[in-house]
């Protein structure tokens, strides 16, 4: 044990807390996109990789009618992720897969939680909602503005979140800031500083505790979306 660690342990035993000690123990956000390349990221399916490029320090995805995901290389459990996204087309549907896993036999699909994003007219089950792909849990887990609790037997109850994100809080033709939290059985995210929706998942039989994150380029949409300032806190 290093001298510094011994000192911190001693402080803890004595009940002494110093601000700099807390900061030193707190994991920091680190960039996982270098602004120059897609190093550390992989497209699923691989034959759609040409739809994902790096331009002016941004990841830019152009829809060509087939769904794909740009997946970060590391599997994650509990984490926080910050990023900015901007729709460069009039309409579109995108999002972030959370604790996702590839679906055997389905090259373009992931099984997992999905923080939905999109254009402002797309509805409360997409923009700001939590979906769950490939496990027959319904078309969504929590609509925009909801805190949904999934019981052990799969029954869903929901309550409104006071001061939640609304479509008018989105910035059209500009960058929107997203902060995603995955903490045990709780998952929630904010858009431009306002909570969009939250899921408390107690259905152990279907809950996912680890998996991959991946940005979505939705199938069937001729859309363009950009991502930047991607920061991860493990």
Protein backbone atom coordinates (compact mmCIF):
# COMPACT_ATOMS: atom_id res chain seq x y z
CA UNK A 1 0.00 0.00 0.00
CA UNK A 2 1.39 3.39 -0.96
CA UNK A 3 2.00 6.11 1.61
CA UNK A 4 -0.76 8.23 0.02
CA UNK A 5 -3.28 5.40 0.24
CA UNK A 6 -2.32 4.71 3.88
CA UNK A 7 -2.89 8.40 4.62
CA UNK A 8 -6.33 8.35 2.99
CA UNK A 9 -7.30 5.19 4.89
CA UNK A 10 -6.18 6.85 8.15
CA UNK A 11 -8.28 9.91 7.37
CA UNK A 12 -11.28 7.69 6.74
CA UNK A 13 -10.82 5.88 10.06
CA UNK A 14 -10.62 9.21 11.85
CA UNK A 15 -13.71 10.50 10.06
CA UNK A 16 -11.74 13.28 8.41
CA UNK A 17 -12.74 14.19 4.86
CA UNK A 18 -10.68 16.58 2.78
CA UNK A 19 -12.12 17.97 -0.48
CA UNK A 20 -9.00 17.12 -2.48
CA UNK A 21 -9.09 13.54 -1.16
CA UNK A 22 -12.64 13.08 -2.42
CA UNK A 23 -11.74 14.48 -5.81
CA UNK A 24 -8.74 12.16 -6.06
CA UNK A 25 -10.95 9.13 -5.37
CA UNK A 26 -13.66 10.10 -7.87
CA UNK A 27 -13.30 8.59 -11.36
CA UNK A 28 -13.11 11.20 -14.08
CA UNK A 29 -14.86 11.47 -17.42
CA UNK A 30 -12.49 10.53 -20.22
CA UNK A 31 -12.94 10.99 -23.99
CA UNK A 32 -13.60 7.78 -25.93
CA UNK A 33 -13.66 9.45 -29.35
CA UNK A 34 -10.41 11.06 -30.46
CA UNK A 35 -12.05 13.45 -32.95
CA UNK A 36 -9.90 12.10 -35.79
CA UNK A 37 -10.78 8.43 -36.33
CA UNK A 38 -13.15 5.64 -35.31
CA UNK A 39 -10.41 3.87 -33.37
CA UNK A 40 -12.05 1.87 -30.57
CA UNK A 41 -15.41 1.76 -32.36
CA UNK A 42 -16.90 -0.93 -34.61
CA UNK A 43 -19.93 -0.91 -36.89
CA UNK A 44 -22.58 -3.61 -36.68
CA UNK A 45 -23.21 -4.93 -39.27
CA UNK A 46 -19.70 -4.51 -40.67
CA UNK A 47 -20.93 -4.01 -44.25
CA UNK A 48 -22.58 -0.72 -43.19
CA UNK A 49 -19.35 0.80 -41.84
CA UNK A 50 -19.16 3.18 -44.80
CA UNK A 51 -22.18 5.06 -43.42
CA UNK A 52 -20.09 6.22 -40.44
CA UNK A 53 -17.35 8.80 -40.96
CA UNK A 54 -15.34 11.38 -39.03
CA UNK A 55 -15.70 14.95 -40.27
CA UNK A 56 -14.50 18.13 -38.54
CA UNK A 57 -14.08 16.37 -35.20
CA UNK A 58 -17.53 14.78 -35.34
CA UNK A 59 -18.87 11.28 -35.97
CA UNK A 60 -21.29 11.66 -38.86
CA UNK A 61 -23.78 8.93 -39.81
CA UNK A 62 -25.75 8.96 -43.06
CA UNK A 63 -28.80 6.75 -43.42
CA UNK A 64 -28.90 4.54 -46.49
CA UNK A 65 -32.06 2.59 -45.64
CA UNK A 66 -30.50 -0.11 -43.42
CA UNK A 67 -30.09 0.04 -39.64
CA UNK A 68 -26.61 0.00 -38.13
CA UNK A 69 -24.87 0.70 -34.83
CA UNK A 70 -21.49 2.19 -34.04
CA UNK A 71 -20.41 0.23 -30.97
CA UNK A 72 -17.69 1.10 -28.46
CA UNK A 73 -15.19 -1.71 -27.98
CA UNK A 74 -15.51 -2.19 -24.20
CA UNK A 75 -18.32 -3.94 -22.39
CA UNK A 76 -19.70 -1.76 -19.57
CA UNK A 77 -21.79 -2.26 -16.45
CA UNK A 78 -22.36 0.86 -14.36
CA UNK A 79 -21.28 4.05 -16.08
CA UNK A 80 -22.13 7.60 -17.09
CA UNK A 81 -21.84 8.84 -20.65
CA UNK A 82 -21.98 12.40 -21.94
CA UNK A 83 -22.23 13.37 -25.60
CA UNK A 84 -23.72 15.90 -27.97
CA UNK A 85 -25.85 15.03 -30.98
CA UNK A 86 -27.25 17.06 -33.82
CA UNK A 87 -29.69 16.08 -36.54
CA UNK A 88 -28.45 17.40 -39.86
CA UNK A 89 -31.61 16.32 -41.69
CA UNK A 90 -35.17 17.55 -41.25
CA UNK A 91 -36.33 14.27 -39.70
CA UNK A 92 -34.69 11.20 -38.26
CA UNK A 93 -34.58 8.66 -35.48
CA UNK A 94 -31.47 7.75 -33.55
CA UNK A 95 -30.41 6.86 -30.04
CA UNK A 96 -27.93 5.10 -27.80
CA UNK A 97 -27.95 1.38 -27.12
CA UNK A 98 -27.08 0.67 -23.46
CA UNK A 99 -25.83 -2.69 -22.14
CA UNK A 100 -26.47 -4.02 -25.63
CA UNK A 101 -25.57 -7.46 -26.90
CA UNK A 102 -25.43 -8.69 -30.50
CA UNK A 103 -28.41 -10.83 -31.50
CA UNK A 104 -27.30 -14.17 -32.98
CA UNK A 105 -28.41 -14.50 -36.57
CA UNK A 106 -29.50 -10.87 -36.87
CA UNK A 107 -26.56 -8.91 -38.20
CA UNK A 108 -27.99 -5.44 -37.61
CA UNK A 109 -29.77 -5.90 -34.30
CA UNK A 110 -28.74 -5.48 -30.68
CA UNK A 111 -30.51 -6.82 -27.60
CA UNK A 112 -30.62 -4.27 -24.82
CA UNK A 113 -31.84 -0.97 -23.43
CA UNK A 114 -32.14 1.95 -25.83
CA UNK A 115 -32.20 5.66 -24.99
CA UNK A 116 -34.30 7.06 -27.83
CA UNK A 117 -33.57 10.32 -29.61
CA UNK A 118 -34.97 11.85 -32.77
CA UNK A 119 -36.72 14.84 -34.26
CA UNK A 120 -39.21 16.80 -32.16
CA UNK A 121 -42.32 15.52 -33.95
CA UNK A 122 -41.58 11.84 -33.49
CA UNK A 123 -43.63 11.21 -30.33
CA UNK A 124 -43.27 10.48 -26.63
CA UNK A 125 -42.30 6.83 -27.20
CA UNK A 126 -39.18 7.82 -29.12
CA UNK A 127 -37.68 11.21 -28.33
CA UNK A 128 -36.69 10.97 -24.67
CA UNK A 129 -38.05 7.46 -24.07
CA UNK A 130 -36.46 4.17 -22.98
CA UNK A 131 -36.96 1.24 -25.34
CA UNK A 132 -35.81 -2.36 -24.99
CA UNK A 133 -34.80 -4.23 -28.13
CA UNK A 134 -35.28 -7.88 -28.94
CA UNK A 135 -36.83 -9.33 -25.79
CA UNK A 136 -40.61 -8.90 -26.12
CA UNK A 137 -40.93 -6.42 -23.27
CA UNK A 138 -43.37 -4.22 -25.17
CA UNK A 139 -42.69 -1.39 -27.57
CA UNK A 140 -41.08 0.75 -24.83
CA UNK A 141 -40.21 0.66 -21.13
CA UNK A 142 -40.70 4.33 -20.25
CA UNK A 143 -42.24 7.05 -22.39
CA UNK A 144 -40.77 10.54 -22.38
CA UNK A 145 -41.44 12.22 -19.04
CA UNK A 146 -42.06 8.93 -17.19
CA UNK A 147 -40.36 7.06 -14.37
CA UNK A 148 -41.25 3.43 -14.96
CA UNK A 149 -40.76 0.58 -12.50
CA UNK A 150 -40.65 -2.96 -13.85
CA UNK A 151 -41.60 -5.49 -11.17
CA UNK A 152 -39.99 -8.93 -10.79
CA UNK A 153 -42.93 -10.45 -12.70
CA UNK A 154 -42.57 -7.94 -15.56
CA UNK A 155 -45.52 -5.75 -14.60
CA UNK A 156 -44.91 -2.09 -15.42
CA UNK A 157 -46.05 0.93 -13.42
CA UNK A 158 -45.23 4.53 -14.31
CA UNK A 159 -45.43 7.97 -12.81
CA UNK A 160 -44.79 11.40 -14.33
CA UNK A 161 -41.49 13.14 -13.66
CA UNK A 162 -41.89 16.74 -12.57
CA UNK A 163 -40.00 19.19 -14.79
CA UNK A 164 -39.08 16.53 -17.34
CA UNK A 165 -37.69 17.23 -20.79
CA UNK A 166 -40.25 18.29 -23.39
CA UNK A 167 -39.92 18.51 -27.19
CA UNK A 168 -39.64 22.30 -27.03
CA UNK A 169 -36.48 21.85 -24.93
CA UNK A 170 -34.72 20.28 -27.91
CA UNK A 171 -32.54 22.51 -30.08
CA UNK A 172 -33.50 22.16 -33.70
CA UNK A 173 -30.57 22.52 -36.12
CA UNK A 174 -28.17 22.73 -33.18
CA UNK A 175 -26.30 20.54 -30.70
CA UNK A 176 -28.22 18.82 -27.90
CA UNK A 177 -26.44 17.62 -24.77
CA UNK A 178 -27.19 14.12 -23.46
CA UNK A 179 -26.11 12.56 -20.15
CA UNK A 180 -26.85 8.84 -19.70
CA UNK A 181 -26.68 7.05 -16.34
CA UNK A 182 -26.59 3.27 -15.81
CA UNK A 183 -26.47 2.45 -12.09
CA UNK A 184 -27.39 -1.10 -11.13
CA UNK A 185 -31.05 -1.62 -11.97
CA UNK A 186 -31.66 2.10 -12.62
CA UNK A 187 -31.17 3.76 -15.98
CA UNK A 188 -32.01 7.36 -16.81
CA UNK A 189 -30.86 10.13 -19.10
CA UNK A 190 -31.11 13.86 -19.51
CA UNK A 191 -31.36 16.03 -22.62
CA UNK A 192 -30.15 19.61 -22.29
CA UNK A 193 -30.08 19.29 -18.51
CA UNK A 194 -33.62 17.96 -18.04
CA UNK A 195 -34.38 14.35 -17.19
CA UNK A 196 -36.07 12.63 -20.14
CA UNK A 197 -37.15 9.31 -18.57
CA UNK A 198 -36.07 6.68 -16.07
CA UNK A 199 -36.37 2.90 -15.75
CA UNK A 200 -36.09 0.94 -12.51
CA UNK A 201 -35.77 -2.67 -13.69
CA UNK A 202 -36.51 -5.34 -11.08
CA UNK A 203 -37.26 -8.11 -13.59
CA UNK A 204 -34.10 -10.10 -12.93
CA UNK A 205 -34.94 -12.74 -15.54
CA UNK A 206 -34.74 -10.20 -18.37
CA UNK A 207 -32.62 -7.40 -16.91
CA UNK A 208 -29.18 -6.75 -18.37
CA UNK A 209 -26.40 -5.67 -16.01
CA UNK A 210 -23.56 -5.41 -18.55
CA UNK A 211 -23.17 -4.94 -22.28
CA UNK A 212 -22.02 -2.55 -24.98
CA UNK A 213 -22.99 1.01 -25.86
CA UNK A 214 -23.70 1.90 -29.47
CA UNK A 215 -25.03 4.86 -31.43
CA UNK A 216 -27.91 3.99 -33.75
CA UNK A 217 -28.45 4.89 -37.37
CA UNK A 218 -32.08 3.91 -37.78
CA UNK A 219 -33.14 1.78 -40.72
CA UNK A 220 -35.44 3.23 -43.37
CA UNK A 221 -34.51 6.84 -42.68
CA UNK A 222 -32.57 8.96 -45.16
CA UNK A 223 -31.14 10.98 -42.33
CA UNK A 224 -27.87 12.52 -41.24
CA UNK A 225 -26.88 12.74 -37.57
CA UNK A 226 -23.65 13.85 -35.91
CA UNK A 227 -22.13 13.05 -32.50
CA UNK A 228 -19.24 14.69 -30.68
CA UNK A 229 -17.71 15.37 -27.23
CA UNK A 230 -18.20 11.74 -26.17
CA UNK A 231 -17.07 11.29 -22.55
CA UNK A 232 -17.23 8.14 -20.42
CA UNK A 233 -17.07 7.73 -16.65
CA UNK A 234 -16.73 4.07 -15.64
